[in-house]
PDB file of N, CA and C in Angstrom:
ATOM      1  N   UNK A   1     -41.631 -11.977   7.377  1.00  0.00           N
ATOM      2  CA  UNK A   1     -42.223 -13.285   7.422  1.00  0.00           C
ATOM      3  C   UNK A   1     -41.444 -14.189   6.474  1.00  0.00           C
ATOM      4  N   UNK A   2     -41.075 -15.341   6.970  1.00  0.00           N
ATOM      5  CA  UNK A   2     -40.358 -16.322   6.179  1.00  0.00           C
ATOM      6  C   UNK A   2     -41.301 -17.443   5.789  1.00  0.00           C
ATOM      7  N   UNK A   3     -41.158 -17.936   4.581  1.00  0.00           N
ATOM      8  CA  UNK A   3     -41.983 -19.045   4.109  1.00  0.00           C
ATOM      9  C   UNK A   3     -41.071 -20.233   3.867  1.00  0.00           C
ATOM     10  N   UNK A   4     -41.412 -21.358   4.436  1.00  0.00           N
ATOM     11  CA  UNK A   4     -40.656 -22.580   4.264  1.00  0.00           C
ATOM     12  C   UNK A   4     -40.951 -23.142   2.873  1.00  0.00           C
ATOM     13  N   UNK A   5     -39.922 -23.375   2.026  1.00  0.00           N
ATOM     14  CA  UNK A   5     -40.180 -23.854   0.667  1.00  0.00           C
ATOM     15  C   UNK A   5     -40.772 -25.268   0.624  1.00  0.00           C
ATOM     16  N   UNK A   6     -40.555 -26.067   1.685  1.00  0.00           N
ATOM     17  CA  UNK A   6     -41.073 -27.430   1.707  1.00  0.00           C
ATOM     18  C   UNK A   6     -42.521 -27.482   2.194  1.00  0.00           C
ATOM     19  N   UNK A   7     -42.886 -26.510   3.053  1.00  0.00           N
ATOM     20  CA  UNK A   7     -44.247 -26.421   3.562  1.00  0.00           C
ATOM     21  C   UNK A   7     -44.705 -24.975   3.415  1.00  0.00           C
ATOM     22  N   UNK A   8     -45.199 -24.568   2.237  1.00  0.00           N
ATOM     23  CA  UNK A   8     -45.542 -23.163   2.010  1.00  0.00           C
ATOM     24  C   UNK A   8     -46.625 -22.641   2.948  1.00  0.00           C
ATOM     25  N   UNK A   9     -47.426 -23.558   3.499  1.00  0.00           N
ATOM     26  CA  UNK A   9     -48.462 -23.085   4.418  1.00  0.00           C
ATOM     27  C   UNK A   9     -47.898 -22.769   5.809  1.00  0.00           C
ATOM     28  N   UNK A  10     -46.677 -23.165   6.066  1.00  0.00           N
ATOM     29  CA  UNK A  10     -46.040 -22.914   7.346  1.00  0.00           C
ATOM     30  C   UNK A  10     -45.221 -21.634   7.240  1.00  0.00           C
ATOM     31  N   UNK A  11     -45.558 -20.626   8.042  1.00  0.00           N
ATOM     32  CA  UNK A  11     -44.890 -19.329   7.974  1.00  0.00           C
ATOM     33  C   UNK A  11     -44.279 -19.007   9.318  1.00  0.00           C
ATOM     34  N   UNK A  12     -43.129 -18.329   9.286  1.00  0.00           N
ATOM     35  CA  UNK A  12     -42.437 -17.943  10.498  1.00  0.00           C
ATOM     36  C   UNK A  12     -42.415 -16.425  10.594  1.00  0.00           C
ATOM     37  N   UNK A  13     -42.660 -15.911  11.757  1.00  0.00           N
ATOM     38  CA  UNK A  13     -42.526 -14.486  11.999  1.00  0.00           C
ATOM     39  C   UNK A  13     -41.485 -14.305  13.085  1.00  0.00           C
ATOM     40  N   UNK A  14     -40.611 -13.347  12.871  1.00  0.00           N
ATOM     41  CA  UNK A  14     -39.531 -13.108  13.804  1.00  0.00           C
ATOM     42  C   UNK A  14     -39.520 -11.633  14.158  1.00  0.00           C
ATOM     43  N   UNK A  15     -39.584 -11.344  15.445  1.00  0.00           N
ATOM     44  CA  UNK A  15     -39.542  -9.957  15.898  1.00  0.00           C
ATOM     45  C   UNK A  15     -38.099  -9.620  16.250  1.00  0.00           C
ATOM     46  N   UNK A  16     -37.605  -8.547  15.668  1.00  0.00           N
ATOM     47  CA  UNK A  16     -36.225  -8.139  15.895  1.00  0.00           C
ATOM     48  C   UNK A  16     -36.233  -6.876  16.741  1.00  0.00           C
ATOM     49  N   UNK A  17     -35.682  -6.946  17.953  1.00  0.00           N
ATOM     50  CA  UNK A  17     -35.649  -5.744  18.788  1.00  0.00           C
ATOM     51  C   UNK A  17     -34.524  -4.811  18.352  1.00  0.00           C
ATOM     52  N   UNK A  18     -34.812  -3.519  18.338  1.00  0.00           N
ATOM     53  CA  UNK A  18     -33.809  -2.511  18.028  1.00  0.00           C
ATOM     54  C   UNK A  18     -33.494  -1.741  19.294  1.00  0.00           C
ATOM     55  N   UNK A  19     -32.221  -1.420  19.512  1.00  0.00           N
ATOM     56  CA  UNK A  19     -31.874  -0.665  20.719  1.00  0.00           C
ATOM     57  C   UNK A  19     -32.441   0.746  20.651  1.00  0.00           C
ATOM     58  N   UNK A  20     -32.655   1.316  21.806  1.00  0.00           N
ATOM     59  CA  UNK A  20     -33.155   2.678  21.896  1.00  0.00           C
ATOM     60  C   UNK A  20     -32.075   3.619  21.376  1.00  0.00           C
ATOM     61  N   UNK A  21     -32.383   4.368  20.330  1.00  0.00           N
ATOM     62  CA  UNK A  21     -31.404   5.258  19.714  1.00  0.00           C
ATOM     63  C   UNK A  21     -31.459   6.665  20.290  1.00  0.00           C
ATOM     64  N   UNK A  22     -32.241   6.856  21.338  1.00  0.00           N
ATOM     65  CA  UNK A  22     -32.314   8.172  21.970  1.00  0.00           C
ATOM     66  C   UNK A  22     -31.201   8.277  23.004  1.00  0.00           C
ATOM     67  N   UNK A  23     -30.663   9.439  23.150  1.00  0.00           N
ATOM     68  CA  UNK A  23     -29.602   9.639  24.121  1.00  0.00           C
ATOM     69  C   UNK A  23     -28.413  10.318  23.485  1.00  0.00           C
ATOM     70  N   UNK A  24     -27.422  10.619  24.308  1.00  0.00           N
ATOM     71  CA  UNK A  24     -26.312  11.409  23.802  1.00  0.00           C
ATOM     72  C   UNK A  24     -25.329  10.619  22.946  1.00  0.00           C
ATOM     73  N   UNK A  25     -25.390   9.293  22.983  1.00  0.00           N
ATOM     74  CA  UNK A  25     -24.470   8.502  22.172  1.00  0.00           C
ATOM     75  C   UNK A  25     -25.107   7.984  20.888  1.00  0.00           C
ATOM     76  N   UNK A  26     -26.329   8.376  20.648  1.00  0.00           N
ATOM     77  CA  UNK A  26     -27.011   7.918  19.440  1.00  0.00           C
ATOM     78  C   UNK A  26     -26.435   8.633  18.223  1.00  0.00           C
ATOM     79  N   UNK A  27     -26.249   7.895  17.158  1.00  0.00           N
ATOM     80  CA  UNK A  27     -25.759   8.492  15.918  1.00  0.00           C
ATOM     81  C   UNK A  27     -26.869   8.423  14.880  1.00  0.00           C
ATOM     82  N   UNK A  28     -26.932   9.404  13.992  1.00  0.00           N
ATOM     83  CA  UNK A  28     -27.982   9.393  12.984  1.00  0.00           C
ATOM     84  C   UNK A  28     -27.768   8.250  11.993  1.00  0.00           C
ATOM     85  N   UNK A  29     -28.851   7.776  11.434  1.00  0.00           N
ATOM     86  CA  UNK A  29     -28.783   6.729  10.428  1.00  0.00           C
ATOM     87  C   UNK A  29     -28.310   7.367   9.131  1.00  0.00           C
ATOM     88  N   UNK A  30     -27.300   6.791   8.556  1.00  0.00           N
ATOM     89  CA  UNK A  30     -26.742   7.320   7.320  1.00  0.00           C
ATOM     90  C   UNK A  30     -27.020   6.321   6.207  1.00  0.00           C
ATOM     91  N   UNK A  31     -27.676   6.782   5.177  1.00  0.00           N
ATOM     92  CA  UNK A  31     -27.902   5.935   4.018  1.00  0.00           C
ATOM     93  C   UNK A  31     -26.980   6.411   2.906  1.00  0.00           C
ATOM     94  N   UNK A  32     -26.400   5.487   2.224  1.00  0.00           N
ATOM     95  CA  UNK A  32     -25.525   5.870   1.122  1.00  0.00           C
ATOM     96  C   UNK A  32     -26.201   5.513  -0.186  1.00  0.00           C
ATOM     97  N   UNK A  33     -26.155   6.445  -1.105  1.00  0.00           N
ATOM     98  CA  UNK A  33     -26.711   6.239  -2.427  1.00  0.00           C
ATOM     99  C   UNK A  33     -25.575   6.404  -3.420  1.00  0.00           C
ATOM    100  N   UNK A  34     -25.471   5.483  -4.305  1.00  0.00           N
ATOM    101  CA  UNK A  34     -24.377   5.511  -5.262  1.00  0.00           C
ATOM    102  C   UNK A  34     -24.697   6.481  -6.388  1.00  0.00           C
ATOM    103  N   UNK A  35     -23.705   7.248  -6.783  1.00  0.00           N
ATOM    104  CA  UNK A  35     -23.845   8.153  -7.916  1.00  0.00           C
ATOM    105  C   UNK A  35     -23.942   7.327  -9.192  1.00  0.00           C
ATOM    106  N   UNK A  36     -24.795   7.773 -10.120  1.00  0.00           N
ATOM    107  CA  UNK A  36     -25.010   7.024 -11.358  1.00  0.00           C
ATOM    108  C   UNK A  36     -25.006   7.948 -12.564  1.00  0.00           C
ATOM    109  N   UNK A  37     -24.684   7.366 -13.690  1.00  0.00           N
ATOM    110  CA  UNK A  37     -24.762   8.069 -14.968  1.00  0.00           C
ATOM    111  C   UNK A  37     -25.067   7.042 -16.044  1.00  0.00           C
ATOM    112  N   UNK A  38     -25.950   7.395 -16.976  1.00  0.00           N
ATOM    113  CA  UNK A  38     -26.254   6.501 -18.085  1.00  0.00           C
ATOM    114  C   UNK A  38     -26.276   7.291 -19.383  1.00  0.00           C
ATOM    115  N   UNK A  39     -25.930   6.619 -20.468  1.00  0.00           N
ATOM    116  CA  UNK A  39     -25.909   7.201 -21.806  1.00  0.00           C
ATOM    117  C   UNK A  39     -26.878   6.409 -22.673  1.00  0.00           C
ATOM    118  N   UNK A  40     -27.914   7.095 -23.188  1.00  0.00           N
ATOM    119  CA  UNK A  40     -28.948   6.398 -23.968  1.00  0.00           C
ATOM    120  C   UNK A  40     -29.256   7.204 -25.210  1.00  0.00           C
ATOM    121  N   UNK A  41     -29.207   6.687 -26.406  1.00  0.00           N
ATOM    122  CA  UNK A  41     -28.697   5.360 -26.750  1.00  0.00           C
ATOM    123  C   UNK A  41     -27.171   5.363 -26.783  1.00  0.00           C
ATOM    124  N   UNK A  42     -26.617   4.222 -26.604  1.00  0.00           N
ATOM    125  CA  UNK A  42     -25.176   4.039 -26.690  1.00  0.00           C
ATOM    126  C   UNK A  42     -24.929   2.665 -27.296  1.00  0.00           C
ATOM    127  N   UNK A  43     -24.511   2.584 -28.539  1.00  0.00           N
ATOM    128  CA  UNK A  43     -23.929   3.600 -29.401  1.00  0.00           C
ATOM    129  C   UNK A  43     -24.974   4.591 -29.935  1.00  0.00           C
ATOM    130  N   UNK A  44     -24.492   5.797 -30.195  1.00  0.00           N
ATOM    131  CA  UNK A  44     -25.348   6.881 -30.682  1.00  0.00           C
ATOM    132  C   UNK A  44     -25.157   7.067 -32.181  1.00  0.00           C
ATOM    133  N   UNK A  45     -26.223   7.517 -32.826  1.00  0.00           N
ATOM    134  CA  UNK A  45     -26.133   7.850 -34.247  1.00  0.00           C
ATOM    135  C   UNK A  45     -26.265   9.352 -34.437  1.00  0.00           C
ATOM    136  N   UNK A  46     -27.380   9.925 -34.010  1.00  0.00           N
ATOM    137  CA  UNK A  46     -27.622  11.350 -34.241  1.00  0.00           C
ATOM    138  C   UNK A  46     -27.754  12.150 -32.956  1.00  0.00           C
ATOM    139  N   UNK A  47     -28.144  11.485 -31.886  1.00  0.00           N
ATOM    140  CA  UNK A  47     -28.385  12.195 -30.623  1.00  0.00           C
ATOM    141  C   UNK A  47     -28.252  11.207 -29.471  1.00  0.00           C
ATOM    142  N   UNK A  48     -27.881  11.711 -28.313  1.00  0.00           N
ATOM    143  CA  UNK A  48     -27.838  10.868 -27.118  1.00  0.00           C
ATOM    144  C   UNK A  48     -28.279  11.678 -25.915  1.00  0.00           C
ATOM    145  N   UNK A  49     -28.703  10.971 -24.871  1.00  0.00           N
ATOM    146  CA  UNK A  49     -29.146  11.589 -23.630  1.00  0.00           C
ATOM    147  C   UNK A  49     -28.291  11.057 -22.492  1.00  0.00           C
ATOM    148  N   UNK A  50     -27.792  11.970 -21.678  1.00  0.00           N
ATOM    149  CA  UNK A  50     -27.025  11.606 -20.489  1.00  0.00           C
ATOM    150  C   UNK A  50     -27.909  11.848 -19.281  1.00  0.00           C
ATOM    151  N   UNK A  51     -28.143  10.816 -18.487  1.00  0.00           N
ATOM    152  CA  UNK A  51     -28.886  10.935 -17.225  1.00  0.00           C
ATOM    153  C   UNK A  51     -27.879  10.772 -16.101  1.00  0.00           C
ATOM    154  N   UNK A  52     -27.948  11.667 -15.113  1.00  0.00           N
ATOM    155  CA  UNK A  52     -26.979  11.604 -14.022  1.00  0.00           C
ATOM    156  C   UNK A  52     -27.663  11.848 -12.695  1.00  0.00           C
ATOM    157  N   UNK A  53     -27.051  11.308 -11.641  1.00  0.00           N
ATOM    158  CA  UNK A  53     -27.502  11.508 -10.269  1.00  0.00           C
ATOM    159  C   UNK A  53     -26.266  11.407  -9.381  1.00  0.00           C
ATOM    160  N   UNK A  54     -25.953  12.479  -8.661  1.00  0.00           N
ATOM    161  CA  UNK A  54     -24.757  12.484  -7.808  1.00  0.00           C
ATOM    162  C   UNK A  54     -24.934  11.629  -6.556  1.00  0.00           C
ATOM    163  N   UNK A  55     -26.175  11.251  -6.247  1.00  0.00           N
ATOM    164  CA  UNK A  55     -26.426  10.428  -5.081  1.00  0.00           C
ATOM    165  C   UNK A  55     -26.733  11.224  -3.831  1.00  0.00           C
ATOM    166  N   UNK A  56     -26.613  12.551  -3.887  1.00  0.00           N
ATOM    167  CA  UNK A  56     -26.872  13.400  -2.729  1.00  0.00           C
ATOM    168  C   UNK A  56     -27.404  14.741  -3.234  1.00  0.00           C
ATOM    169  N   UNK A  57     -28.621  15.130  -2.829  1.00  0.00           N
ATOM    170  CA  UNK A  57     -29.186  16.403  -3.311  1.00  0.00           C
ATOM    171  C   UNK A  57     -28.334  17.622  -2.984  1.00  0.00           C
ATOM    172  N   UNK A  58     -27.499  17.534  -1.960  1.00  0.00           N
ATOM    173  CA  UNK A  58     -26.650  18.668  -1.587  1.00  0.00           C
ATOM    174  C   UNK A  58     -25.404  18.774  -2.469  1.00  0.00           C
ATOM    175  N   UNK A  59     -25.071  17.706  -3.185  1.00  0.00           N
ATOM    176  CA  UNK A  59     -23.875  17.692  -4.028  1.00  0.00           C
ATOM    177  C   UNK A  59     -24.286  17.878  -5.487  1.00  0.00           C
ATOM    178  N   UNK A  60     -24.290  19.112  -5.909  1.00  0.00           N
ATOM    179  CA  UNK A  60     -24.754  19.443  -7.252  1.00  0.00           C
ATOM    180  C   UNK A  60     -23.618  19.351  -8.262  1.00  0.00           C
ATOM    181  N   UNK A  61     -23.937  18.761  -9.400  1.00  0.00           N
ATOM    182  CA  UNK A  61     -22.964  18.697 -10.489  1.00  0.00           C
ATOM    183  C   UNK A  61     -22.791  20.095 -11.073  1.00  0.00           C
ATOM    184  N   UNK A  62     -21.570  20.408 -11.495  1.00  0.00           N
ATOM    185  CA  UNK A  62     -21.277  21.748 -12.006  1.00  0.00           C
ATOM    186  C   UNK A  62     -21.253  21.816 -13.524  1.00  0.00           C
ATOM    187  N   UNK A  63     -20.855  20.717 -14.171  1.00  0.00           N
ATOM    188  CA  UNK A  63     -20.644  20.795 -15.606  1.00  0.00           C
ATOM    189  C   UNK A  63     -20.639  19.404 -16.218  1.00  0.00           C
ATOM    190  N   UNK A  64     -20.983  19.341 -17.507  1.00  0.00           N
ATOM    191  CA  UNK A  64     -20.852  18.111 -18.272  1.00  0.00           C
ATOM    192  C   UNK A  64     -19.972  18.398 -19.474  1.00  0.00           C
ATOM    193  N   UNK A  65     -19.001  17.534 -19.720  1.00  0.00           N
ATOM    194  CA  UNK A  65     -18.072  17.673 -20.838  1.00  0.00           C
ATOM    195  C   UNK A  65     -18.047  16.384 -21.648  1.00  0.00           C
ATOM    196  N   UNK A  66     -17.888  16.526 -22.965  1.00  0.00           N
ATOM    197  CA  UNK A  66     -17.677  15.373 -23.833  1.00  0.00           C
ATOM    198  C   UNK A  66     -16.395  15.635 -24.608  1.00  0.00           C
ATOM    199  N   UNK A  67     -15.438  14.703 -24.470  1.00  0.00           N
ATOM    200  CA  UNK A  67     -14.141  14.820 -25.157  1.00  0.00           C
ATOM    201  C   UNK A  67     -14.019  13.722 -26.208  1.00  0.00           C
ATOM    202  N   UNK A  68     -13.323  14.046 -27.298  1.00  0.00           N
ATOM    203  CA  UNK A  68     -13.009  13.003 -28.262  1.00  0.00           C
ATOM    204  C   UNK A  68     -11.711  12.313 -27.836  1.00  0.00           C
ATOM    205  N   UNK A  69     -11.231  11.370 -28.645  1.00  0.00           N
ATOM    206  CA  UNK A  69     -10.041  10.598 -28.296  1.00  0.00           C
ATOM    207  C   UNK A  69      -8.782  11.452 -28.239  1.00  0.00           C
ATOM    208  N   UNK A  70      -8.796  12.608 -28.901  1.00  0.00           N
ATOM    209  CA  UNK A  70      -7.633  13.499 -28.898  1.00  0.00           C
ATOM    210  C   UNK A  70      -7.683  14.500 -27.745  1.00  0.00           C
ATOM    211  N   UNK A  71      -8.755  14.482 -26.964  1.00  0.00           N
ATOM    212  CA  UNK A  71      -8.880  15.391 -25.833  1.00  0.00           C
ATOM    213  C   UNK A  71      -9.612  16.681 -26.155  1.00  0.00           C
ATOM    214  N   UNK A  72     -10.101  16.812 -27.389  1.00  0.00           N
ATOM    215  CA  UNK A  72     -10.837  18.009 -27.781  1.00  0.00           C
ATOM    216  C   UNK A  72     -12.244  17.990 -27.194  1.00  0.00           C
ATOM    217  N   UNK A  73     -12.689  19.127 -26.666  1.00  0.00           N
ATOM    218  CA  UNK A  73     -14.035  19.223 -26.105  1.00  0.00           C
ATOM    219  C   UNK A  73     -15.030  19.324 -27.252  1.00  0.00           C
ATOM    220  N   UNK A  74     -15.933  18.353 -27.338  1.00  0.00           N
ATOM    221  CA  UNK A  74     -16.953  18.335 -28.386  1.00  0.00           C
ATOM    222  C   UNK A  74     -18.270  18.939 -27.903  1.00  0.00           C
ATOM    223  N   UNK A  75     -18.501  18.888 -26.579  1.00  0.00           N
ATOM    224  CA  UNK A  75     -19.743  19.415 -26.023  1.00  0.00           C
ATOM    225  C   UNK A  75     -19.483  19.818 -24.581  1.00  0.00           C
ATOM    226  N   UNK A  76     -20.100  20.938 -24.175  1.00  0.00           N
ATOM    227  CA  UNK A  76     -19.967  21.406 -22.791  1.00  0.00           C
ATOM    228  C   UNK A  76     -21.290  22.023 -22.365  1.00  0.00           C
ATOM    229  N   UNK A  77     -21.703  21.730 -21.135  1.00  0.00           N
ATOM    230  CA  UNK A  77     -22.929  22.318 -20.595  1.00  0.00           C
ATOM    231  C   UNK A  77     -22.738  22.541 -19.103  1.00  0.00           C
ATOM    232  N   UNK A  78     -23.059  23.749 -18.641  1.00  0.00           N
ATOM    233  CA  UNK A  78     -23.029  24.040 -17.212  1.00  0.00           C
ATOM    234  C   UNK A  78     -24.244  23.411 -16.552  1.00  0.00           C
ATOM    235  N   UNK A  79     -24.039  22.849 -15.368  1.00  0.00           N
ATOM    236  CA  UNK A  79     -25.101  22.189 -14.613  1.00  0.00           C
ATOM    237  C   UNK A  79     -25.177  22.806 -13.228  1.00  0.00           C
ATOM    238  N   UNK A  80     -26.349  22.750 -12.639  1.00  0.00           N
ATOM    239  CA  UNK A  80     -26.531  23.258 -11.281  1.00  0.00           C
ATOM    240  C   UNK A  80     -27.525  22.395 -10.516  1.00  0.00           C
ATOM    241  N   UNK A  81     -27.436  21.086 -10.713  1.00  0.00           N
ATOM    242  CA  UNK A  81     -28.365  20.198 -10.019  1.00  0.00           C
ATOM    243  C   UNK A  81     -27.675  18.884  -9.675  1.00  0.00           C
ATOM    244  N   UNK A  82     -28.261  18.183  -8.731  1.00  0.00           N
ATOM    245  CA  UNK A  82     -27.707  16.901  -8.304  1.00  0.00           C
ATOM    246  C   UNK A  82     -28.136  15.768  -9.231  1.00  0.00           C
ATOM    247  N   UNK A  83     -29.213  15.978  -9.965  1.00  0.00           N
ATOM    248  CA  UNK A  83     -29.662  14.961 -10.915  1.00  0.00           C
ATOM    249  C   UNK A  83     -30.350  15.632 -12.087  1.00  0.00           C
ATOM    250  N   UNK A  84     -30.374  14.936 -13.203  1.00  0.00           N
ATOM    251  CA  UNK A  84     -31.027  15.486 -14.378  1.00  0.00           C
ATOM    252  C   UNK A  84     -30.627  14.729 -15.621  1.00  0.00           C
ATOM    253  N   UNK A  85     -31.005  15.305 -16.759  1.00  0.00           N
ATOM    254  CA  UNK A  85     -30.626  14.713 -18.030  1.00  0.00           C
ATOM    255  C   UNK A  85     -30.312  15.807 -19.036  1.00  0.00           C
ATOM    256  N   UNK A  86     -29.372  15.496 -19.916  1.00  0.00           N
ATOM    257  CA  UNK A  86     -28.914  16.435 -20.931  1.00  0.00           C
ATOM    258  C   UNK A  86     -28.905  15.707 -22.269  1.00  0.00           C
ATOM    259  N   UNK A  87     -29.543  16.307 -23.273  1.00  0.00           N
ATOM    260  CA  UNK A  87     -29.526  15.752 -24.626  1.00  0.00           C
ATOM    261  C   UNK A  87     -28.590  16.587 -25.484  1.00  0.00           C
ATOM    262  N   UNK A  88     -27.879  15.923 -26.390  1.00  0.00           N
ATOM    263  CA  UNK A  88     -27.035  16.662 -27.315  1.00  0.00           C
ATOM    264  C   UNK A  88     -26.930  15.922 -28.636  1.00  0.00           C
ATOM    265  N   UNK A  89     -26.645  16.699 -29.684  1.00  0.00           N
ATOM    266  CA  UNK A  89     -26.587  16.213 -31.053  1.00  0.00           C
ATOM    267  C   UNK A  89     -25.201  15.649 -31.353  1.00  0.00           C
ATOM    268  N   UNK A  90     -25.159  14.447 -31.912  1.00  0.00           N
ATOM    269  CA  UNK A  90     -23.891  13.823 -32.286  1.00  0.00           C
ATOM    270  C   UNK A  90     -23.821  13.566 -33.784  1.00  0.00           C
ATOM    271  N   UNK A  91     -24.777  14.072 -34.548  1.00  0.00           N
ATOM    272  CA  UNK A  91     -24.871  13.744 -35.974  1.00  0.00           C
ATOM    273  C   UNK A  91     -23.654  14.202 -36.773  1.00  0.00           C
ATOM    274  N   UNK A  92     -23.013  15.289 -36.394  1.00  0.00           N
ATOM    275  CA  UNK A  92     -21.854  15.790 -37.128  1.00  0.00           C
ATOM    276  C   UNK A  92     -20.527  15.241 -36.643  1.00  0.00           C
ATOM    277  N   UNK A  93     -20.534  14.349 -35.682  1.00  0.00           N
ATOM    278  CA  UNK A  93     -19.301  13.819 -35.112  1.00  0.00           C
ATOM    279  C   UNK A  93     -18.809  12.614 -35.909  1.00  0.00           C
ATOM    280  N   UNK A  94     -17.499  12.394 -35.886  1.00  0.00           N
ATOM    281  CA  UNK A  94     -16.915  11.223 -36.512  1.00  0.00           C
ATOM    282  C   UNK A  94     -17.198   9.979 -35.686  1.00  0.00           C
ATOM    283  N   UNK A  95     -17.150   8.816 -36.332  1.00  0.00           N
ATOM    284  CA  UNK A  95     -17.300   7.562 -35.603  1.00  0.00           C
ATOM    285  C   UNK A  95     -16.137   7.408 -34.635  1.00  0.00           C
ATOM    286  N   UNK A  96     -16.424   6.848 -33.470  1.00  0.00           N
ATOM    287  CA  UNK A  96     -15.360   6.618 -32.498  1.00  0.00           C
ATOM    288  C   UNK A  96     -15.864   6.629 -31.083  1.00  0.00           C
ATOM    289  N   UNK A  97     -14.927   6.675 -30.145  1.00  0.00           N
ATOM    290  CA  UNK A  97     -15.231   6.649 -28.721  1.00  0.00           C
ATOM    291  C   UNK A  97     -15.053   8.054 -28.153  1.00  0.00           C
ATOM    292  N   UNK A  98     -16.021   8.486 -27.351  1.00  0.00           N
ATOM    293  CA  UNK A  98     -15.989   9.786 -26.699  1.00  0.00           C
ATOM    294  C   UNK A  98     -16.138   9.580 -25.196  1.00  0.00           C
ATOM    295  N   UNK A  99     -15.478  10.415 -24.421  1.00  0.00           N
ATOM    296  CA  UNK A  99     -15.552  10.331 -22.959  1.00  0.00           C
ATOM    297  C   UNK A  99     -16.517  11.404 -22.466  1.00  0.00           C
ATOM    298  N   UNK A 100     -17.541  10.956 -21.726  1.00  0.00           N
ATOM    299  CA  UNK A 100     -18.535  11.864 -21.155  1.00  0.00           C
ATOM    300  C   UNK A 100     -18.224  11.989 -19.670  1.00  0.00           C
ATOM    301  N   UNK A 101     -18.089  13.229 -19.187  1.00  0.00           N
ATOM    302  CA  UNK A 101     -17.758  13.489 -17.793  1.00  0.00           C
ATOM    303  C   UNK A 101     -18.757  14.454 -17.187  1.00  0.00           C
ATOM    304  N   UNK A 102     -19.342  14.067 -16.066  1.00  0.00           N
ATOM    305  CA  UNK A 102     -20.178  14.965 -15.267  1.00  0.00           C
ATOM    306  C   UNK A 102     -19.332  15.337 -14.053  1.00  0.00           C
ATOM    307  N   UNK A 103     -19.003  16.623 -13.947  1.00  0.00           N
ATOM    308  CA  UNK A 103     -18.143  17.106 -12.867  1.00  0.00           C
ATOM    309  C   UNK A 103     -18.999  17.302 -11.620  1.00  0.00           C
ATOM    310  N   UNK A 104     -18.738  16.478 -10.592  1.00  0.00           N
ATOM    311  CA  UNK A 104     -19.476  16.503  -9.327  1.00  0.00           C
ATOM    312  C   UNK A 104     -18.498  16.816  -8.194  1.00  0.00           C
ATOM    313  N   UNK A 105     -18.993  17.249  -7.023  1.00  0.00           N
ATOM    314  CA  UNK A 105     -18.117  17.648  -5.919  1.00  0.00           C
ATOM    315  C   UNK A 105     -17.164  16.554  -5.429  1.00  0.00           C
ATOM    316  N   UNK A 106     -17.631  15.337  -5.236  1.00  0.00           N
ATOM    317  CA  UNK A 106     -16.771  14.279  -4.699  1.00  0.00           C
ATOM    318  C   UNK A 106     -15.801  13.745  -5.735  1.00  0.00           C
ATOM    319  N   UNK A 107     -16.346  13.252  -6.819  1.00  0.00           N
ATOM    320  CA  UNK A 107     -15.526  12.753  -7.913  1.00  0.00           C
ATOM    321  C   UNK A 107     -16.363  12.781  -9.181  1.00  0.00           C
ATOM    322  N   UNK A 108     -15.701  12.897 -10.328  1.00  0.00           N
ATOM    323  CA  UNK A 108     -16.456  12.978 -11.574  1.00  0.00           C
ATOM    324  C   UNK A 108     -17.104  11.638 -11.936  1.00  0.00           C
ATOM    325  N   UNK A 109     -18.235  11.735 -12.607  1.00  0.00           N
ATOM    326  CA  UNK A 109     -18.895  10.558 -13.166  1.00  0.00           C
ATOM    327  C   UNK A 109     -18.462  10.481 -14.615  1.00  0.00           C
ATOM    328  N   UNK A 110     -17.966   9.329 -15.043  1.00  0.00           N
ATOM    329  CA  UNK A 110     -17.475   9.203 -16.407  1.00  0.00           C
ATOM    330  C   UNK A 110     -18.053   7.991 -17.081  1.00  0.00           C
ATOM    331  N   UNK A 111     -18.205   8.112 -18.399  1.00  0.00           N
ATOM    332  CA  UNK A 111     -18.675   7.005 -19.213  1.00  0.00           C
ATOM    333  C   UNK A 111     -18.144   7.146 -20.622  1.00  0.00           C
ATOM    334  N   UNK A 112     -18.192   6.046 -21.360  1.00  0.00           N
ATOM    335  CA  UNK A 112     -17.742   6.037 -22.749  1.00  0.00           C
ATOM    336  C   UNK A 112     -18.968   6.024 -23.659  1.00  0.00           C
ATOM    337  N   UNK A 113     -18.938   6.897 -24.636  1.00  0.00           N
ATOM    338  CA  UNK A 113     -19.997   6.964 -25.637  1.00  0.00           C
ATOM    339  C   UNK A 113     -19.413   6.525 -26.967  1.00  0.00           C
ATOM    340  N   UNK A 114     -20.046   5.567 -27.592  1.00  0.00           N
ATOM    341  CA  UNK A 114     -19.612   5.100 -28.905  1.00  0.00           C
ATOM    342  C   UNK A 114     -20.491   5.767 -29.961  1.00  0.00           C
ATOM    343  N   UNK A 115     -19.860   6.420 -30.926  1.00  0.00           N
ATOM    344  CA  UNK A 115     -20.578   7.086 -32.012  1.00  0.00           C
ATOM    345  C   UNK A 115     -20.467   6.196 -33.243  1.00  0.00           C
ATOM    346  N   UNK A 116     -21.624   5.811 -33.798  1.00  0.00           N
ATOM    347  CA  UNK A 116     -21.627   4.976 -35.004  1.00  0.00           C
ATOM    348  C   UNK A 116     -21.538   5.832 -36.236  1.00  0.00           C
TER     349      UNK A 116
END
């Protein structure tokens, strides 16, 4: 239903016909969901949480890695789900930028974590 901004009491309804999707040439409806990752809090002081979603329940993430600027692995956790969250302690880390990677089947999810 559309509402006219000049006459709010005047409303329009429009019926949209959809073609019959039954038959041998019909294709299934495909919805795409974007893979996401968030780092909270960022910048981190003592602890941070990584939330991830590969966008497809069939595409499970295998691992999460955190590297420092020199490429050293500071944290590693094996994963076996398409979405979830992982908390880890950053209190003993030096100040700087760290790369967080969630290894997923299609492509890795990456983000930068700033340690205060």
